[in-house]
Protein backbone atom coordinates (compact mmCIF):
# COMPACT_ATOMS: atom_id res chain seq x y z
CA MET A 1 24.34 14.63 -4.32
CA GLN A 2 21.48 13.51 -2.09
CA ALA A 3 19.13 12.16 -5.22
CA GLU A 4 22.54 9.92 -6.17
CA CYS A 5 22.30 8.60 -2.16
CA ALA A 6 18.84 8.02 -1.91
CA ARG A 7 19.07 5.99 -5.67
CA ARG A 8 21.55 3.76 -4.41
CA ARG A 9 20.01 2.95 -1.44
CA THR A 10 16.27 2.10 -3.21
CA VAL A 11 18.94 -0.14 -5.50
CA GLN A 12 20.50 -1.64 -2.78
CA VAL A 13 16.79 -2.44 -0.71
CA LEU A 14 15.85 -3.98 -3.96
CA VAL A 15 18.47 -6.33 -4.25
CA ALA A 16 18.17 -7.41 -0.80
CA ALA A 17 14.29 -7.92 -1.63
CA LEU A 18 15.24 -9.59 -4.31
CA PHE A 19 18.25 -11.77 -2.60
CA ALA A 20 15.72 -12.62 -0.34
CA VAL A 21 12.42 -14.13 -2.42
CA SER A 22 14.65 -16.13 -4.51
CA LEU A 23 16.13 -17.50 -0.67
CA ILE A 24 12.77 -18.55 -0.32
CA PHE A 25 11.97 -20.01 -3.30
CA ALA A 26 15.68 -21.53 -4.05
CA GLY A 27 16.19 -22.35 -0.76
CA PRO A 28 16.57 -25.81 1.24
CA ALA A 29 13.29 -27.80 1.08
CA ALA A 30 11.92 -28.49 4.89
CA PRO A 31 12.87 -31.88 6.01
CA LYS A 32 9.73 -34.05 6.25
CA ALA A 33 8.24 -34.92 9.67
CA GLN A 34 9.29 -38.46 10.58
CA ALA A 35 7.55 -40.50 13.60
CA LEU A 36 9.35 -39.77 16.70
CA PRO A 37 11.29 -43.26 17.89
CA GLY A 38 10.03 -45.00 20.93
CA PRO A 39 7.28 -47.44 21.80
CA GLY A 40 4.00 -47.41 20.42
CA TRP A 41 2.19 -46.40 23.52
CA LEU A 42 3.75 -42.95 23.65
CA ASN A 43 1.50 -41.55 20.50
CA PRO A 44 -1.71 -40.82 22.25
CA CYS A 45 -3.66 -42.12 19.34
CA ASN A 46 -2.75 -45.52 20.33
CA ALA A 47 -4.37 -45.25 23.79
CA PRO A 48 -7.73 -46.92 24.72
CA GLY A 49 -10.40 -44.40 22.93
CA GLY A 50 -7.39 -42.25 21.40
CA LYS A 51 -8.16 -43.16 18.20
CA THR A 52 -11.68 -40.97 18.58
CA VAL A 53 -9.71 -38.34 19.80
CA CYS A 54 -6.99 -38.11 17.02
CA ASP A 55 -9.52 -38.52 14.38
CA LYS A 56 -12.16 -35.73 15.87
CA ALA A 57 -8.87 -33.31 16.11
CA GLU A 58 -8.49 -33.85 12.87
CA GLN A 59 -11.62 -33.20 11.85
CA GLY A 60 -11.52 -29.73 13.50
CA ALA A 61 -8.25 -29.10 11.99
CA LYS A 62 -9.81 -29.42 8.46
CA TRP A 63 -13.00 -27.12 9.67
CA LEU A 64 -10.85 -24.43 10.81
CA TYR A 65 -8.75 -24.78 7.70
CA ASP A 66 -12.16 -24.75 5.50
CA LYS A 67 -13.79 -21.64 7.49
CA SER A 68 -10.24 -19.79 7.84
CA GLY A 69 -10.06 -18.79 4.13
CA ALA A 70 -6.33 -19.82 4.14
CA ASP A 71 -7.52 -22.19 0.84
CA SER A 72 -7.82 -19.09 -1.19
CA VAL A 73 -4.68 -18.02 0.19
CA VAL A 74 -2.90 -21.14 -0.91
CA ASN A 75 -4.73 -20.62 -4.34
CA ASP A 76 -3.81 -16.90 -4.97
CA VAL A 77 0.11 -18.07 -4.21
CA ASN A 78 -0.49 -21.13 -6.28
CA SER A 79 -1.61 -18.09 -9.36
CA ALA A 80 1.36 -16.51 -8.70
CA VAL A 81 3.82 -19.28 -9.02
CA ASP A 82 2.13 -20.45 -12.33
CA PHE A 83 2.62 -17.19 -13.71
CA ALA A 84 5.94 -16.78 -12.12
CA SER A 85 7.05 -19.81 -13.77
CA ASP A 86 5.43 -19.80 -16.88
CA PRO A 87 3.46 -16.04 -17.74
CA LEU A 88 2.82 -16.43 -21.64
CA GLY A 89 0.85 -20.35 -20.56
CA TYR A 90 -0.90 -18.53 -17.66
CA LEU A 91 -2.08 -16.02 -19.41
CA GLU A 92 -3.36 -18.32 -22.50
CA GLN A 93 -4.95 -20.64 -20.17
CA LYS A 94 -6.86 -17.25 -18.44
CA LEU A 95 -7.69 -16.25 -21.99
CA ARG A 96 -9.11 -19.45 -23.02
CA SER A 97 -11.31 -19.73 -19.46
CA GLY A 98 -12.31 -16.20 -20.19
CA THR A 99 -13.59 -16.83 -23.77
CA LYS A 100 -15.44 -19.93 -23.32
CA GLY A 101 -17.38 -18.24 -20.81
CA MET A 102 -18.11 -15.54 -22.97
CA PHE A 103 -19.22 -17.48 -25.72
CA ALA A 104 -21.25 -19.56 -22.90
CA ALA A 105 -22.88 -16.73 -21.94
CA PHE A 106 -23.38 -15.26 -25.42
CA GLY A 107 -24.99 -18.04 -26.79
CA GLU A 108 -27.38 -18.44 -23.31
CA GLU A 109 -28.63 -14.81 -24.03
CA LEU A 110 -28.77 -15.67 -27.69
CA THR A 111 -30.77 -18.95 -27.29
CA GLY A 112 -32.40 -18.56 -23.98
CA LYS A 113 -31.50 -21.46 -22.60
CA LYS A 114 -27.89 -22.56 -20.80
CA PRO A 115 -25.92 -24.74 -23.16
CA ALA A 116 -26.28 -28.91 -22.31
CA ASP A 117 -23.42 -30.65 -21.28
CA PRO A 118 -21.69 -33.03 -23.55
CA ALA A 119 -23.86 -35.91 -24.35
CA ASP A 120 -22.65 -39.47 -22.56
CA PRO A 121 -21.55 -41.41 -25.54
CA THR A 122 -22.79 -44.66 -23.72
CA ALA A 123 -26.11 -43.47 -23.27
CA ASP A 124 -26.83 -43.86 -27.77
CA LYS A 125 -26.10 -47.28 -27.53
CA LYS A 126 -27.71 -48.13 -24.47
CA GLY A 127 -31.16 -46.68 -26.32
CA LYS A 128 -30.24 -48.15 -29.35
CA GLY A 129 -29.20 -51.52 -27.67
CA ASP A 130 -33.20 -51.84 -26.33
């Protein structure tokens, strides 16, 4: 009796979690931010010297984002979404990149030199014309 009750409770929790996740992915998108109506003098970036302050604030925000490690979280979320939307395509892409890296490493070990970059087709034309 208690095992059946625990099983039902587990199923209810899983269904609720799946519903919450589906709301996150399929829910309405957040509205786009729009400029506030009003005169331009209300915007601090339009004040004298305000453009410099706004540029410095933007650079500081970019520096904080780069140093915070949030980009790795964004990349991980993008990978998870890629896998969820097309698991076989995601696996194919990973296998291709792994195979390419493996053959590059084996070639480097066998020959003792790094693989050359693809030749520029315009370089041959320049050399022949001179």
